[in-house]
Each structure stands twice: as C-alpha cells, then as structure tokens.
Amino acid sequence: MKKRTLNSFGELVYSSGPKGSGKPTSTPGEQDLRIHLDRLKGNKEVTRIVGFVGKEADLDDLGRALKSKCGVGGNTKEGVILLQGDHRDKVLAYLMEKGYKAKKAGG
C-alpha cells in the first residue's frame, strides 16, 4: 500500500517501502516467533526464524545478536532471519532469555 507524505520541502512523496517498515515493533512478549530447520541446495542446513513483526532495523538488530550468539553467518530479510547451520536450541534459549514467545516448528 502506498503512503503519501510530505518531505522537508513541502513536496508530495509516495512511498511503498518494504513490508513491516512502517509498523511499530511489538514488545518481545507480543512477538510469536517460530524456529524452523530447512535444507538448502547442497544439503546445507539453515535455521529460519519467522514471525517477526516490526521495523527492518529492529529485525536486523535481532538477527545480528543471534548471529553473534551462535557464531555463524546469516541474513535478515522481510521478517525472516536465516542462520547457517542447525542452531535451534541456542536460538530458542536466547529468545526465551530475552522475553520473546518462541518455539520450535516443523518435524
């Protein structure tokens, strides 16, 4: 959905930023996160955290903290955090410690 705003010069500006960019970030207790284990090409495992509602900057901060905690690389995009490898237990423990409502999902 496009948003109409005025810039500092009083000119009309249209914005259709990324999903979730305009929404305020919910408190950790209101977030309902799911932790999945996926396999990508080459049989590589990826821990995927979905369900984050809020600003991309807050998602990036959480993703950065999780990557640092697990000591791995990863990516954050459109409400999804990807971590290289199987780190479901570490991620779940960290999220619960920080007050997020999270649980493992999938098989």
PDB file of N, CA and C in Angstrom:
ATOM      1  N   MET A   1       0.844  -1.169   0.000  1.00  0.00           N
ATOM      2  CA  MET A   1       0.000   0.000   0.000  1.00  0.00           C
ATOM      3  C   MET A   1       0.888   1.230   0.000  1.00  0.00           C
ATOM      4  N   LYS A   2       0.580   2.179  -0.861  1.00  0.00           N
ATOM      5  CA  LYS A   2       1.388   3.382  -0.949  1.00  0.00           C
ATOM      6  C   LYS A   2       0.985   4.373   0.127  1.00  0.00           C
ATOM      7  N   LYS A   3       1.992   5.059   0.629  1.00  0.00           N
ATOM      8  CA  LYS A   3       1.781   6.026   1.699  1.00  0.00           C
ATOM      9  C   LYS A   3       2.138   7.403   1.157  1.00  0.00           C
ATOM     10  N   ARG A   4       1.275   8.380   1.348  1.00  0.00           N
ATOM     11  CA  ARG A   4       1.532   9.728   0.865  1.00  0.00           C
ATOM     12  C   ARG A   4       2.003  10.587   2.027  1.00  0.00           C
ATOM     13  N   THR A   5       3.171  11.208   1.861  1.00  0.00           N
ATOM     14  CA  THR A   5       3.713  12.098   2.884  1.00  0.00           C
ATOM     15  C   THR A   5       4.343  13.313   2.212  1.00  0.00           C
ATOM     16  N   LEU A   6       4.668  14.304   3.009  1.00  0.00           N
ATOM     17  CA  LEU A   6       5.362  15.489   2.515  1.00  0.00           C
ATOM     18  C   LEU A   6       6.799  15.458   3.013  1.00  0.00           C
ATOM     19  N   ASN A   7       7.728  15.792   2.122  1.00  0.00           N
ATOM     20  CA  ASN A   7       9.129  15.851   2.554  1.00  0.00           C
ATOM     21  C   ASN A   7       9.411  17.210   3.179  1.00  0.00           C
ATOM     22  N   SER A   8      10.667  17.477   3.526  1.00  0.00           N
ATOM     23  CA  SER A   8      11.020  18.718   4.228  1.00  0.00           C
ATOM     24  C   SER A   8      10.803  19.971   3.376  1.00  0.00           C
ATOM     25  N   PHE A   9      10.669  19.813   2.046  1.00  0.00           N
ATOM     26  CA  PHE A   9      10.438  20.953   1.164  1.00  0.00           C
ATOM     27  C   PHE A   9       8.958  21.163   0.874  1.00  0.00           C
ATOM     28  N   GLY A  10       8.091  20.367   1.488  1.00  0.00           N
ATOM     29  CA  GLY A  10       6.664  20.505   1.282  1.00  0.00           C
ATOM     30  C   GLY A  10       6.160  19.820   0.026  1.00  0.00           C
ATOM     31  N   GLU A  11       7.010  18.999  -0.630  1.00  0.00           N
ATOM     32  CA  GLU A  11       6.610  18.301  -1.840  1.00  0.00           C
ATOM     33  C   GLU A  11       5.994  16.953  -1.480  1.00  0.00           C
ATOM     34  N   LEU A  12       5.016  16.528  -2.264  1.00  0.00           N
ATOM     35  CA  LEU A  12       4.355  15.260  -2.031  1.00  0.00           C
ATOM     36  C   LEU A  12       5.268  14.107  -2.426  1.00  0.00           C
ATOM     37  N   VAL A  13       5.390  13.112  -1.548  1.00  0.00           N
ATOM     38  CA  VAL A  13       6.245  11.961  -1.792  1.00  0.00           C
ATOM     39  C   VAL A  13       5.432  10.692  -1.581  1.00  0.00           C
ATOM     40  N   TYR A  14       5.564   9.735  -2.497  1.00  0.00           N
ATOM     41  CA  TYR A  14       4.892   8.444  -2.362  1.00  0.00           C
ATOM     42  C   TYR A  14       5.919   7.413  -1.924  1.00  0.00           C
ATOM     43  N   SER A  15       5.521   6.556  -1.002  1.00  0.00           N
ATOM     44  CA  SER A  15       6.431   5.540  -0.502  1.00  0.00           C
ATOM     45  C   SER A  15       5.708   4.212  -0.397  1.00  0.00           C
ATOM     46  N   SER A  16       6.355   3.169  -0.869  1.00  0.00           N
ATOM     47  CA  SER A  16       5.819   1.820  -0.704  1.00  0.00           C
ATOM     48  C   SER A  16       6.937   0.932  -0.185  1.00  0.00           C
ATOM     49  N   GLY A  17       7.555   1.358   0.914  1.00  0.00           N
ATOM     50  CA  GLY A  17       8.720   0.696   1.494  1.00  0.00           C
ATOM     51  C   GLY A  17       8.505  -0.780   1.736  1.00  0.00           C
ATOM     52  N   PRO A  18       9.548  -1.464   2.206  1.00  0.00           N
ATOM     53  CA  PRO A  18       9.451  -2.895   2.443  1.00  0.00           C
ATOM     54  C   PRO A  18       8.411  -3.234   3.494  1.00  0.00           C
ATOM     55  N   LYS A  19       7.920  -4.454   3.416  1.00  0.00           N
ATOM     56  CA  LYS A  19       6.884  -4.918   4.330  1.00  0.00           C
ATOM     57  C   LYS A  19       7.351  -4.763   5.771  1.00  0.00           C
ATOM     58  N   GLY A  20       6.493  -4.190   6.590  1.00  0.00           N
ATOM     59  CA  GLY A  20       6.816  -4.050   8.001  1.00  0.00           C
ATOM     60  C   GLY A  20       7.610  -2.808   8.340  1.00  0.00           C
ATOM     61  N   SER A  21       8.007  -2.009   7.339  1.00  0.00           N
ATOM     62  CA  SER A  21       8.852  -0.858   7.627  1.00  0.00           C
ATOM     63  C   SER A  21       8.109   0.232   8.375  1.00  0.00           C
ATOM     64  N   GLY A  22       6.793   0.333   8.197  1.00  0.00           N
ATOM     65  CA  GLY A  22       6.053   1.379   8.859  1.00  0.00           C
ATOM     66  C   GLY A  22       5.404   0.944  10.159  1.00  0.00           C
ATOM     67  N   LYS A  23       5.408  -0.344  10.432  1.00  0.00           N
ATOM     68  CA  LYS A  23       4.756  -0.840  11.631  1.00  0.00           C
ATOM     69  C   LYS A  23       5.655  -0.656  12.844  1.00  0.00           C
ATOM     70  N   PRO A  24       5.082  -0.251  13.955  1.00  0.00           N
ATOM     71  CA  PRO A  24       5.906  -0.201  15.169  1.00  0.00           C
ATOM     72  C   PRO A  24       6.253  -1.618  15.609  1.00  0.00           C
ATOM     73  N   THR A  25       7.428  -1.769  16.176  1.00  0.00           N
ATOM     74  CA  THR A  25       7.854  -3.084  16.628  1.00  0.00           C
ATOM     75  C   THR A  25       7.146  -3.449  17.917  1.00  0.00           C
ATOM     76  N   SER A  26       6.586  -4.648  17.940  1.00  0.00           N
ATOM     77  CA  SER A  26       5.913  -5.136  19.142  1.00  0.00           C
ATOM     78  C   SER A  26       6.947  -5.456  20.206  1.00  0.00           C
ATOM     79  N   THR A  27       6.515  -5.466  21.450  1.00  0.00           N
ATOM     80  CA  THR A  27       7.420  -5.840  22.539  1.00  0.00           C
ATOM     81  C   THR A  27       7.761  -7.315  22.393  1.00  0.00           C
ATOM     82  N   PRO A  28       8.889  -7.759  22.961  1.00  0.00           N
ATOM     83  CA  PRO A  28       9.278  -9.164  22.828  1.00  0.00           C
ATOM     84  C   PRO A  28       8.194 -10.141  23.288  1.00  0.00           C
ATOM     85  N   GLY A  29       7.459  -9.821  24.328  1.00  0.00           N
ATOM     86  CA  GLY A  29       6.425 -10.715  24.817  1.00  0.00           C
ATOM     87  C   GLY A  29       5.257 -10.869  23.857  1.00  0.00           C
ATOM     88  N   GLU A  30       5.059  -9.895  22.964  1.00  0.00           N
ATOM     89  CA  GLU A  30       3.966  -9.949  21.997  1.00  0.00           C
ATOM     90  C   GLU A  30       4.374 -10.626  20.696  1.00  0.00           C
ATOM     91  N   GLN A  31       5.672 -10.818  20.479  1.00  0.00           N
ATOM     92  CA  GLN A  31       6.162 -11.477  19.274  1.00  0.00           C
ATOM     93  C   GLN A  31       5.900 -12.980  19.389  1.00  0.00           C
ATOM     94  N   ASP A  32       5.465 -13.598  18.314  1.00  0.00           N
ATOM     95  CA  ASP A  32       5.249 -15.040  18.273  1.00  0.00           C
ATOM     96  C   ASP A  32       6.175 -15.610  17.198  1.00  0.00           C
ATOM     97  N   LEU A  33       7.371 -16.007  17.597  1.00  0.00           N
ATOM     98  CA  LEU A  33       8.387 -16.456  16.662  1.00  0.00           C
ATOM     99  C   LEU A  33       8.407 -17.973  16.549  1.00  0.00           C
ATOM    100  N   ARG A  34       8.656 -18.469  15.342  1.00  0.00           N
ATOM    101  CA  ARG A  34       8.772 -19.901  15.071  1.00  0.00           C
ATOM    102  C   ARG A  34      10.169 -20.185  14.527  1.00  0.00           C
ATOM    103  N   ILE A  35      10.765 -21.261  15.011  1.00  0.00           N
ATOM    104  CA  ILE A  35      12.126 -21.619  14.624  1.00  0.00           C
ATOM    105  C   ILE A  35      12.064 -22.904  13.802  1.00  0.00           C
ATOM    106  N   HIS A  36      12.466 -22.821  12.539  1.00  0.00           N
ATOM    107  CA  HIS A  36      12.431 -23.947  11.609  1.00  0.00           C
ATOM    108  C   HIS A  36      13.850 -24.371  11.238  1.00  0.00           C
ATOM    109  N   LEU A  37      13.991 -25.621  10.802  1.00  0.00           N
ATOM    110  CA  LEU A  37      15.240 -26.106  10.230  1.00  0.00           C
ATOM    111  C   LEU A  37      14.960 -26.460   8.783  1.00  0.00           C
ATOM    112  N   ASP A  38      15.660 -25.816   7.859  1.00  0.00           N
ATOM    113  CA  ASP A  38      15.485 -26.062   6.429  1.00  0.00           C
ATOM    114  C   ASP A  38      16.770 -26.610   5.840  1.00  0.00           C
ATOM    115  N   ARG A  39      16.637 -27.292   4.719  1.00  0.00           N
ATOM    116  CA  ARG A  39      17.796 -27.760   3.963  1.00  0.00           C
ATOM    117  C   ARG A  39      17.780 -27.055   2.618  1.00  0.00           C
ATOM    118  N   LEU A  40      18.914 -26.466   2.285  1.00  0.00           N
ATOM    119  CA  LEU A  40      19.054 -25.786   1.007  1.00  0.00           C
ATOM    120  C   LEU A  40      19.834 -26.670   0.054  1.00  0.00           C
ATOM    121  N   LYS A  41      20.029 -26.180  -1.165  1.00  0.00           N
ATOM    122  CA  LYS A  41      20.768 -26.958  -2.150  1.00  0.00           C
ATOM    123  C   LYS A  41      22.158 -27.306  -1.607  1.00  0.00           C
ATOM    124  N   GLY A  42      22.642 -28.449  -1.977  1.00  0.00           N
ATOM    125  CA  GLY A  42      23.920 -28.911  -1.457  1.00  0.00           C
ATOM    126  C   GLY A  42      23.772 -29.549  -0.095  1.00  0.00           C
ATOM    127  N   ASN A  43      22.523 -29.779   0.334  1.00  0.00           N
ATOM    128  CA  ASN A  43      22.220 -30.417   1.614  1.00  0.00           C
ATOM    129  C   ASN A  43      22.730 -29.601   2.805  1.00  0.00           C
ATOM    130  N   LYS A  44      22.734 -28.284   2.681  1.00  0.00           N
ATOM    131  CA  LYS A  44      23.168 -27.404   3.767  1.00  0.00           C
ATOM    132  C   LYS A  44      21.971 -27.079   4.655  1.00  0.00           C
ATOM    133  N   GLU A  45      22.201 -27.072   5.961  1.00  0.00           N
ATOM    134  CA  GLU A  45      21.137 -26.772   6.909  1.00  0.00           C
ATOM    135  C   GLU A  45      21.111 -25.278   7.225  1.00  0.00           C
ATOM    136  N   VAL A  46      19.901 -24.756   7.395  1.00  0.00           N
ATOM    137  CA  VAL A  46      19.690 -23.349   7.721  1.00  0.00           C
ATOM    138  C   VAL A  46      18.626 -23.263   8.798  1.00  0.00           C
ATOM    139  N   THR A  47      18.907 -22.507   9.856  1.00  0.00           N
ATOM    140  CA  THR A  47      17.911 -22.234  10.886  1.00  0.00           C
ATOM    141  C   THR A  47      17.159 -20.981  10.459  1.00  0.00           C
ATOM    142  N   ARG A  48      15.826 -21.097  10.365  1.00  0.00           N
ATOM    143  CA  ARG A  48      14.991 -19.998   9.883  1.00  0.00           C
ATOM    144  C   ARG A  48      14.054 -19.575  11.002  1.00  0.00           C
ATOM    145  N   ILE A  49      14.085 -18.285  11.364  1.00  0.00           N
ATOM    146  CA  ILE A  49      13.204 -17.731  12.392  1.00  0.00           C
ATOM    147  C   ILE A  49      12.188 -16.831  11.691  1.00  0.00           C
ATOM    148  N   VAL A  50      10.907 -17.142  11.828  1.00  0.00           N
ATOM    149  CA  VAL A  50       9.853 -16.384  11.152  1.00  0.00           C
ATOM    150  C   VAL A  50       8.869 -15.835  12.178  1.00  0.00           C
ATOM    151  N   GLY A  51       8.077 -14.857  11.732  1.00  0.00           N
ATOM    152  CA  GLY A  51       7.015 -14.321  12.571  1.00  0.00           C
ATOM    153  C   GLY A  51       7.336 -12.984  13.210  1.00  0.00           C
ATOM    154  N   PHE A  52       8.476 -12.385  12.895  1.00  0.00           N
ATOM    155  CA  PHE A  52       8.834 -11.098  13.487  1.00  0.00           C
ATOM    156  C   PHE A  52       7.962 -10.013  12.879  1.00  0.00           C
ATOM    157  N   VAL A  53       7.367  -9.193  13.725  1.00  0.00           N
ATOM    158  CA  VAL A  53       6.539  -8.076  13.276  1.00  0.00           C
ATOM    159  C   VAL A  53       7.189  -6.796  13.776  1.00  0.00           C
ATOM    160  N   GLY A  54       7.549  -5.925  12.843  1.00  0.00           N
ATOM    161  CA  GLY A  54       8.149  -4.666  13.249  1.00  0.00           C
ATOM    162  C   GLY A  54       9.025  -4.074  12.167  1.00  0.00           C
ATOM    163  N   LYS A  55       9.847  -3.145  12.567  1.00  0.00           N
ATOM    164  CA  LYS A  55      10.709  -2.424  11.640  1.00  0.00           C
ATOM    165  C   LYS A  55      11.896  -3.284  11.223  1.00  0.00           C
ATOM    166  N   GLU A  56      12.364  -3.045  10.006  1.00  0.00           N
ATOM    167  CA  GLU A  56      13.512  -3.785   9.475  1.00  0.00           C
ATOM    168  C   GLU A  56      14.758  -3.556  10.324  1.00  0.00           C
ATOM    169  N   ALA A  57      14.921  -2.367  10.876  1.00  0.00           N
ATOM    170  CA  ALA A  57      16.093  -2.072  11.708  1.00  0.00           C
ATOM    171  C   ALA A  57      16.099  -2.935  12.967  1.00  0.00           C
ATOM    172  N   ASP A  58      14.931  -3.136  13.556  1.00  0.00           N
ATOM    173  CA  ASP A  58      14.839  -3.982  14.746  1.00  0.00           C
ATOM    174  C   ASP A  58      15.071  -5.445  14.394  1.00  0.00           C
ATOM    175  N   LEU A  59      14.596  -5.856  13.219  1.00  0.00           N
ATOM    176  CA  LEU A  59      14.854  -7.213  12.747  1.00  0.00           C
ATOM    177  C   LEU A  59      16.352  -7.423  12.534  1.00  0.00           C
ATOM    178  N   ASP A  60      17.014  -6.437  11.939  1.00  0.00           N
ATOM    179  CA  ASP A  60      18.465  -6.516  11.724  1.00  0.00           C
ATOM    180  C   ASP A  60      19.215  -6.617  13.046  1.00  0.00           C
ATOM    181  N   ASP A  61      18.789  -5.849  14.043  1.00  0.00           N
ATOM    182  CA  ASP A  61      19.443  -5.905  15.360  1.00  0.00           C
ATOM    183  C   ASP A  61      19.303  -7.284  15.995  1.00  0.00           C
ATOM    184  N   LEU A  62      18.098  -7.863  15.920  1.00  0.00           N
ATOM    185  CA  LEU A  62      17.889  -9.198  16.475  1.00  0.00           C
ATOM    186  C   LEU A  62      18.700 -10.231  15.703  1.00  0.00           C
ATOM    187  N   GLY A  63      18.708 -10.119  14.384  1.00  0.00           N
ATOM    188  CA  GLY A  63      19.494 -11.040  13.565  1.00  0.00           C
ATOM    189  C   GLY A  63      20.977 -10.946  13.869  1.00  0.00           C
ATOM    190  N   ARG A  64      21.470  -9.736  14.056  1.00  0.00           N
ATOM    191  CA  ARG A  64      22.885  -9.530  14.377  1.00  0.00           C
ATOM    192  C   ARG A  64      23.224 -10.163  15.730  1.00  0.00           C
ATOM    193  N   ALA A  65      22.334 -10.001  16.705  1.00  0.00           N
ATOM    194  CA  ALA A  65      22.558 -10.584  18.030  1.00  0.00           C
ATOM    195  C   ALA A  65      22.559 -12.112  17.963  1.00  0.00           C
ATOM    196  N   LEU A  66      21.644 -12.690  17.185  1.00  0.00           N
ATOM    197  CA  LEU A  66      21.586 -14.145  17.062  1.00  0.00           C
ATOM    198  C   LEU A  66      22.811 -14.691  16.332  1.00  0.00           C
ATOM    199  N   LYS A  67      23.247 -14.003  15.280  1.00  0.00           N
ATOM    200  CA  LYS A  67      24.443 -14.447  14.561  1.00  0.00           C
ATOM    201  C   LYS A  67      25.661 -14.400  15.467  1.00  0.00           C
ATOM    202  N   SER A  68      25.750 -13.385  16.285  1.00  0.00           N
ATOM    203  CA  SER A  68      26.870 -13.253  17.214  1.00  0.00           C
ATOM    204  C   SER A  68      26.815 -14.335  18.286  1.00  0.00           C
ATOM    205  N   LYS A  69      25.628 -14.596  18.810  1.00  0.00           N
ATOM    206  CA  LYS A  69      25.449 -15.611  19.852  1.00  0.00           C
ATOM    207  C   LYS A  69      25.826 -17.002  19.346  1.00  0.00           C
ATOM    208  N   CYS A  70      25.438 -17.312  18.104  1.00  0.00           N
ATOM    209  CA  CYS A  70      25.714 -18.637  17.537  1.00  0.00           C
ATOM    210  C   CYS A  70      27.069 -18.711  16.846  1.00  0.00           C
ATOM    211  N   GLY A  71      27.685 -17.574  16.578  1.00  0.00           N
ATOM    212  CA  GLY A  71      28.989 -17.552  15.923  1.00  0.00           C
ATOM    213  C   GLY A  71      28.941 -18.005  14.477  1.00  0.00           C
ATOM    214  N   VAL A  72      27.884 -17.622  13.760  1.00  0.00           N
ATOM    215  CA  VAL A  72      27.711 -18.041  12.370  1.00  0.00           C
ATOM    216  C   VAL A  72      27.312 -16.853  11.505  1.00  0.00           C
ATOM    217  N   GLY A  73      27.273 -17.074  10.202  1.00  0.00           N
ATOM    218  CA  GLY A  73      26.786 -16.076   9.272  1.00  0.00           C
ATOM    219  C   GLY A  73      25.294 -16.233   9.094  1.00  0.00           C
ATOM    220  N   GLY A  74      24.703 -15.269   8.432  1.00  0.00           N
ATOM    221  CA  GLY A  74      23.268 -15.347   8.200  1.00  0.00           C
ATOM    222  C   GLY A  74      22.753 -14.139   7.458  1.00  0.00           C
ATOM    223  N   ASN A  75      21.419 -13.991   7.458  1.00  0.00           N
ATOM    224  CA  ASN A  75      20.771 -12.970   6.664  1.00  0.00           C
ATOM    225  C   ASN A  75      19.445 -12.600   7.321  1.00  0.00           C
ATOM    226  N   THR A  76      19.020 -11.351   7.158  1.00  0.00           N
ATOM    227  CA  THR A  76      17.694 -10.932   7.612  1.00  0.00           C
ATOM    228  C   THR A  76      17.003 -10.240   6.449  1.00  0.00           C
ATOM    229  N   LYS A  77      15.753 -10.625   6.210  1.00  0.00           N
ATOM    230  CA  LYS A  77      15.013 -10.007   5.117  1.00  0.00           C
ATOM    231  C   LYS A  77      13.530 -10.310   5.263  1.00  0.00           C
ATOM    232  N   GLU A  78      12.696  -9.291   5.128  1.00  0.00           N
ATOM    233  CA  GLU A  78      11.237  -9.405   5.092  1.00  0.00           C
ATOM    234  C   GLU A  78      10.664 -10.222   6.248  1.00  0.00           C
ATOM    235  N   GLY A  79      11.104  -9.938   7.464  1.00  0.00           N
ATOM    236  CA  GLY A  79      10.557 -10.600   8.635  1.00  0.00           C
ATOM    237  C   GLY A  79      11.116 -11.983   8.912  1.00  0.00           C
ATOM    238  N   VAL A  80      12.164 -12.389   8.187  1.00  0.00           N
ATOM    239  CA  VAL A  80      12.755 -13.715   8.343  1.00  0.00           C
ATOM    240  C   VAL A  80      14.235 -13.568   8.661  1.00  0.00           C
ATOM    241  N   ILE A  81      14.705 -14.358   9.628  1.00  0.00           N
ATOM    242  CA  ILE A  81      16.125 -14.402   9.967  1.00  0.00           C
ATOM    243  C   ILE A  81      16.641 -15.779   9.580  1.00  0.00           C
ATOM    244  N   LEU A  82      17.725 -15.824   8.806  1.00  0.00           N
ATOM    245  CA  LEU A  82      18.352 -17.077   8.410  1.00  0.00           C
ATOM    246  C   LEU A  82      19.720 -17.171   9.058  1.00  0.00           C
ATOM    247  N   LEU A  83      20.013 -18.322   9.663  1.00  0.00           N
ATOM    248  CA  LEU A  83      21.322 -18.590  10.265  1.00  0.00           C
ATOM    249  C   LEU A  83      21.884 -19.859   9.640  1.00  0.00           C
ATOM    250  N   GLN A  84      23.157 -19.855   9.307  1.00  0.00           N
ATOM    251  CA  GLN A  84      23.780 -21.021   8.703  1.00  0.00           C
ATOM    252  C   GLN A  84      23.965 -22.112   9.752  1.00  0.00           C
ATOM    253  N   GLY A  85      23.457 -23.311   9.467  1.00  0.00           N
ATOM    254  CA  GLY A  85      23.613 -24.445  10.368  1.00  0.00           C
ATOM    255  C   GLY A  85      22.393 -24.659  11.243  1.00  0.00           C
ATOM    256  N   ASP A  86      22.447 -25.739  12.038  1.00  0.00           N
ATOM    257  CA  ASP A  86      21.353 -26.095  12.941  1.00  0.00           C
ATOM    258  C   ASP A  86      21.633 -25.506  14.321  1.00  0.00           C
ATOM    259  N   HIS A  87      20.959 -24.409  14.655  1.00  0.00           N
ATOM    260  CA  HIS A  87      21.161 -23.712  15.929  1.00  0.00           C
ATOM    261  C   HIS A  87      19.834 -23.490  16.640  1.00  0.00           C
ATOM    262  N   ARG A  88      18.883 -24.389  16.438  1.00  0.00           N
ATOM    263  CA  ARG A  88      17.545 -24.201  17.003  1.00  0.00           C
ATOM    264  C   ARG A  88      17.568 -24.106  18.523  1.00  0.00           C
ATOM    265  N   ASP A  89      18.351 -24.960  19.179  1.00  0.00           N
ATOM    266  CA  ASP A  89      18.368 -24.949  20.645  1.00  0.00           C
ATOM    267  C   ASP A  89      18.965 -23.657  21.194  1.00  0.00           C
ATOM    268  N   LYS A  90      20.083 -23.200  20.614  1.00  0.00           N
ATOM    269  CA  LYS A  90      20.709 -21.950  21.061  1.00  0.00           C
ATOM    270  C   LYS A  90      19.782 -20.761  20.831  1.00  0.00           C
ATOM    271  N   VAL A  91      19.160 -20.744  19.653  1.00  0.00           N
ATOM    272  CA  VAL A  91      18.264 -19.631  19.309  1.00  0.00           C
ATOM    273  C   VAL A  91      17.066 -19.609  20.251  1.00  0.00           C
ATOM    274  N   LEU A  92      16.478 -20.771  20.500  1.00  0.00           N
ATOM    275  CA  LEU A  92      15.325 -20.848  21.395  1.00  0.00           C
ATOM    276  C   LEU A  92      15.692 -20.370  22.794  1.00  0.00           C
ATOM    277  N   ALA A  93      16.842 -20.816  23.308  1.00  0.00           N
ATOM    278  CA  ALA A  93      17.275 -20.408  24.647  1.00  0.00           C
ATOM    279  C   ALA A  93      17.507 -18.898  24.701  1.00  0.00           C
ATOM    280  N   TYR A  94      18.138 -18.331  23.673  1.00  0.00           N
ATOM    281  CA  TYR A  94      18.415 -16.895  23.643  1.00  0.00           C
ATOM    282  C   TYR A  94      17.112 -16.084  23.587  1.00  0.00           C
ATOM    283  N   LEU A  95      16.192 -16.497  22.713  1.00  0.00           N
ATOM    284  CA  LEU A  95      14.931 -15.759  22.573  1.00  0.00           C
ATOM    285  C   LEU A  95      14.097 -15.816  23.851  1.00  0.00           C
ATOM    286  N   MET A  96      14.063 -16.972  24.495  1.00  0.00           N
ATOM    287  CA  MET A  96      13.319 -17.101  25.748  1.00  0.00           C
ATOM    288  C   MET A  96      13.956 -16.240  26.837  1.00  0.00           C
ATOM    289  N   GLU A  97      15.285 -16.191  26.853  1.00  0.00           N
ATOM    290  CA  GLU A  97      16.014 -15.377  27.829  1.00  0.00           C
ATOM    291  C   GLU A  97      15.689 -13.895  27.651  1.00  0.00           C
ATOM    292  N   LYS A  98      15.508 -13.464  26.396  1.00  0.00           N
ATOM    293  CA  LYS A  98      15.209 -12.068  26.103  1.00  0.00           C
ATOM    294  C   LYS A  98      13.717 -11.747  26.204  1.00  0.00           C
ATOM    295  N   GLY A  99      12.886 -12.727  26.539  1.00  0.00           N
ATOM    296  CA  GLY A  99      11.468 -12.467  26.747  1.00  0.00           C
ATOM    297  C   GLY A  99      10.583 -12.680  25.549  1.00  0.00           C
ATOM    298  N   TYR A 100      11.104 -13.217  24.453  1.00  0.00           N
ATOM    299  CA  TYR A 100      10.292 -13.476  23.277  1.00  0.00           C
ATOM    300  C   TYR A 100       9.478 -14.746  23.482  1.00  0.00           C
ATOM    301  N   LYS A 101       8.310 -14.785  22.871  1.00  0.00           N
ATOM    302  CA  LYS A 101       7.494 -16.001  22.867  1.00  0.00           C
ATOM    303  C   LYS A 101       7.896 -16.760  21.611  1.00  0.00           C
ATOM    304  N   ALA A 102       8.629 -17.867  21.772  1.00  0.00           N
ATOM    305  CA  ALA A 102       9.149 -18.603  20.627  1.00  0.00           C
ATOM    306  C   ALA A 102       9.046 -20.094  20.872  1.00  0.00           C
ATOM    307  N   LYS A 103       8.981 -20.848  19.770  1.00  0.00           N
ATOM    308  CA  LYS A 103       9.013 -22.297  19.876  1.00  0.00           C
ATOM    309  C   LYS A 103       9.483 -22.899  18.565  1.00  0.00           C
ATOM    310  N   LYS A 104       9.957 -24.141  18.675  1.00  0.00           N
ATOM    311  CA  LYS A 104      10.398 -24.863  17.501  1.00  0.00           C
ATOM    312  C   LYS A 104       9.178 -25.264  16.686  1.00  0.00           C
ATOM    313  N   ALA A 105       9.343 -25.272  15.378  1.00  0.00           N
ATOM    314  CA  ALA A 105       8.255 -25.646  14.484  1.00  0.00           C
ATOM    315  C   ALA A 105       8.770 -26.637  13.458  1.00  0.00           C
ATOM    316  N   GLY A 106       7.867 -27.356  12.854  1.00  0.00           N
ATOM    317  CA  GLY A 106       8.242 -28.340  11.838  1.00  0.00           C
ATOM    318  C   GLY A 106       8.516 -29.684  12.480  1.00  0.00           C
ATOM    319  N   GLY A 107       8.996 -30.627  11.649  1.00  0.00           N
ATOM    320  CA  GLY A 107       9.232 -32.005  12.080  1.00  0.00           C
ATOM    321  C   GLY A 107      10.276 -32.110  13.083  1.00  0.00           C
TER     322      GLY A 107
END
